[in-house]
Each structure stands twice: as C-alpha cells, then as structure tokens.
Amino acid sequence: MGRTLPTFTGIIDSEIESWSKYKRGLRKEDQEIFDDLFRAARIHLAENFYAMRTIPFESIVISMLIEQRKLIKKLQEQIERSNSIEILT
C-alpha cells in the first residue's frame, strides 16, 4: 500500500493546535488577528501542498506574508489614487 499524505488543511489545523497556548495568552483583539493570519494561509492550500516543504510552517508563513503584502500593495494603490485625485482638484 502507498503512503498516505496528510492534507495541508490538516497540517494547518495541527499548527494552529500547537500554537493554542500562545493564542490563549494573547489579548482578544490579537487572537482575532492570529486567526486572520491562519485564514490567509488557507488561501494557498494547493500551492502549499504542491510544495510540501520539509518544515510545513515555512509554507504557512510564506502564505501569510503573501496575503499581507497583497493587502499592503492594495492600500498603497488606494493612497496613490487618492493623492492624485487631490492634486487634480
């Protein structure tokens, strides 16, 4: 029989569980941010499974960083558009 690979969803769930004491130590608003970060990692399940790094947490963190960078870039573009509108008026 072949070896069964864990799903990346399961890997993320295991990571969340391993950080549960840390999460409990956070303030309520920071716990929500913690959850947001792991939700961001779930956006890239297919890519993470495809990469299947030796240390899966590396892929999880990269996924979080990608989503953070996308948000920063979107906000920067909104600021630039807003500034160009102000200059025109």
Protein backbone atom coordinates (compact mmCIF):
# COMPACT_ATOMS: atom_id res chain seq x y z
CA MET A 1 0.00 0.00 0.00
CA GLY A 2 1.08 3.55 -0.68
CA ARG A 3 1.88 6.16 1.88
CA THR A 4 -0.98 8.48 2.77
CA LEU A 5 -0.02 12.15 2.72
CA PRO A 6 -1.72 14.47 5.16
CA THR A 7 -3.85 17.22 3.67
CA PHE A 8 -2.46 20.70 4.01
CA THR A 9 -5.68 21.67 5.77
CA GLY A 10 -4.80 19.07 8.40
CA ILE A 11 -1.27 20.40 8.62
CA ILE A 12 -2.56 23.93 9.20
CA ASP A 13 -5.02 22.65 11.80
CA SER A 14 -2.15 20.88 13.58
CA GLU A 15 -0.09 24.08 13.55
CA ILE A 16 -3.00 26.07 14.97
CA GLU A 17 -3.37 23.48 17.72
CA SER A 18 0.35 23.59 18.50
CA TRP A 19 0.05 27.38 18.97
CA SER A 20 -3.12 27.17 21.10
CA LYS A 21 -1.42 28.09 24.40
CA TYR A 22 0.23 31.06 22.72
CA LYS A 23 -3.11 32.15 21.29
CA ARG A 24 -4.80 31.90 24.69
CA GLY A 25 -2.13 34.24 26.07
CA LEU A 26 -2.97 36.92 23.52
CA ARG A 27 -5.44 39.72 24.09
CA LYS A 28 -8.84 39.17 22.47
CA GLU A 29 -8.17 41.53 19.53
CA ASP A 30 -4.80 39.86 18.93
CA GLN A 31 -6.44 36.42 18.97
CA GLU A 32 -8.62 37.63 16.10
CA ILE A 33 -5.51 38.74 14.18
CA PHE A 34 -3.93 35.36 14.89
CA ASP A 35 -6.97 33.66 13.36
CA ASP A 36 -6.85 36.04 10.38
CA LEU A 37 -3.24 35.04 9.70
CA PHE A 38 -4.07 31.35 9.58
CA ARG A 39 -7.11 32.08 7.39
CA ALA A 40 -4.69 33.78 4.99
CA ALA A 41 -2.57 30.62 4.94
CA ARG A 42 -5.63 28.58 3.93
CA ILE A 43 -5.99 30.67 0.77
CA HIS A 44 -2.86 28.95 -0.56
CA LEU A 45 -3.67 25.32 0.27
CA ALA A 46 -2.96 23.96 -3.21
CA GLU A 47 0.38 25.74 -3.52
CA ASN A 48 1.44 24.62 -0.06
CA PHE A 49 0.50 21.02 -0.73
CA TYR A 50 2.33 21.13 -4.05
CA ALA A 51 5.50 22.49 -2.41
CA MET A 52 5.25 20.13 0.61
CA ARG A 53 8.25 21.59 2.38
CA THR A 54 10.17 19.59 4.98
CA ILE A 55 9.02 22.16 7.52
CA PRO A 56 5.40 22.93 6.54
CA PHE A 57 5.29 26.00 8.78
CA GLU A 58 7.61 27.71 6.27
CA SER A 59 4.92 27.46 3.60
CA ILE A 60 2.28 28.63 6.04
CA VAL A 61 4.31 31.74 6.91
CA ILE A 62 5.06 32.50 3.25
CA SER A 63 1.32 32.28 2.51
CA MET A 64 0.60 34.69 5.35
CA LEU A 65 3.27 37.07 4.08
CA ILE A 66 1.92 36.96 0.52
CA GLU A 67 -1.55 37.89 1.73
CA GLN A 68 -0.15 40.68 3.92
CA ARG A 69 1.89 42.04 1.00
CA LYS A 70 -1.16 41.97 -1.29
CA LEU A 71 -3.11 43.98 1.27
CA ILE A 72 -0.29 46.50 1.69
CA LYS A 73 0.02 46.89 -2.07
CA LYS A 74 -3.74 47.41 -2.43
CA LEU A 75 -3.72 50.06 0.30
CA GLN A 76 -0.71 51.80 -1.27
CA GLU A 77 -2.51 51.95 -4.61
CA GLN A 78 -5.62 53.39 -2.93
CA ILE A 79 -3.49 56.06 -1.26
CA GLU A 80 -1.77 56.91 -4.54
CA ARG A 81 -5.13 57.19 -6.34
CA SER A 82 -6.48 59.35 -3.54
CA ASN A 83 -3.43 61.62 -3.68
CA SER A 84 -3.66 62.02 -7.44
CA ILE A 85 -7.33 62.99 -7.14
CA GLU A 86 -6.40 65.64 -4.55
CA ILE A 87 -3.74 67.05 -6.88
CA LEU A 88 -6.22 67.31 -9.75
CA THR A 89 -8.82 69.18 -7.72
